[in-house]
Protein backbone atom coordinates (compact mmCIF):
# COMPACT_ATOMS: atom_id res chain seq x y z
CA UNK A 1 77.34 173.65 154.57
CA UNK A 2 77.25 175.99 157.53
CA UNK A 3 79.92 178.53 158.32
CA UNK A 4 81.00 176.38 161.26
CA UNK A 5 81.57 173.42 158.93
CA UNK A 6 83.40 175.68 156.50
CA UNK A 7 85.63 176.97 159.31
CA UNK A 8 86.49 173.41 160.26
CA UNK A 9 87.15 172.36 156.64
CA UNK A 10 89.30 175.35 155.62
CA UNK A 11 90.88 176.33 158.93
CA UNK A 12 89.84 179.95 158.31
CA UNK A 13 88.08 181.91 161.04
CA UNK A 14 84.50 183.05 160.56
CA UNK A 15 85.52 186.71 160.36
CA UNK A 16 87.91 185.98 157.49
CA UNK A 17 85.28 183.98 155.61
CA UNK A 18 82.79 186.83 155.96
CA UNK A 19 85.44 189.36 154.89
CA UNK A 20 86.10 187.40 151.70
CA UNK A 21 82.35 187.28 151.11
CA UNK A 22 82.10 191.06 151.54
CA UNK A 23 84.96 191.48 149.07
CA UNK A 24 83.02 189.42 146.51
CA UNK A 25 85.40 186.46 146.43
CA UNK A 26 82.68 183.97 147.43
CA UNK A 27 78.91 184.20 147.17
CA UNK A 28 77.09 181.58 149.26
CA UNK A 29 73.45 180.79 148.59
CA UNK A 30 70.85 181.77 151.17
CA UNK A 31 68.47 179.26 152.74
CA UNK A 32 64.81 180.01 153.42
CA UNK A 33 65.74 181.12 156.94
CA UNK A 34 68.31 183.53 155.36
CA UNK A 35 71.29 181.55 156.70
CA UNK A 36 74.27 181.24 154.39
CA UNK A 37 74.69 177.88 152.67
CA UNK A 38 78.30 177.41 151.56
CA UNK A 39 79.08 175.01 148.74
CA UNK A 40 82.08 172.79 148.08
CA UNK A 41 83.01 175.32 145.38
CA UNK A 42 83.10 178.07 148.04
CA UNK A 43 85.37 175.85 150.16
CA UNK A 44 87.69 175.21 147.20
CA UNK A 45 87.80 178.94 146.42
CA UNK A 46 88.71 179.71 150.03
CA UNK A 47 91.51 177.13 149.92
CA UNK A 48 92.92 178.85 146.83
CA UNK A 49 92.60 182.27 148.46
CA UNK A 50 94.33 180.94 151.58
CA UNK A 51 97.26 179.72 149.47
CA UNK A 52 97.50 182.98 147.53
CA UNK A 53 97.44 185.01 150.76
CA UNK A 54 100.24 182.81 152.20
CA UNK A 55 102.21 183.81 149.08
CA UNK A 56 101.48 187.49 149.94
CA UNK A 57 99.22 188.05 146.92
CA UNK A 58 97.09 191.14 147.72
CA UNK A 59 93.29 190.91 147.81
CA UNK A 60 93.07 193.30 144.84
CA UNK A 61 95.15 190.92 142.72
CA UNK A 62 93.02 187.94 143.80
CA UNK A 63 89.92 189.86 142.73
CA UNK A 64 91.51 190.54 139.33
CA UNK A 65 92.42 186.86 138.97
CA UNK A 66 88.86 185.85 139.83
CA UNK A 67 87.54 188.31 137.24
CA UNK A 68 89.78 186.70 134.64
CA UNK A 69 92.17 189.57 134.06
């Protein structure tokens, strides 16, 4: 899905989605034209991150959770 579709689905702004990508929390595939192609798994991950951030869990802790520690 495109970033616009992902914005609509998650309610997160584009800048936030790209920030989480830069932090390594999601890793969308790239199409032939080099556009990002977000999966349903990326959307589900963003929903979890959104919930954790609403609970004031810091990004560093979310990264540790994602890494399994």
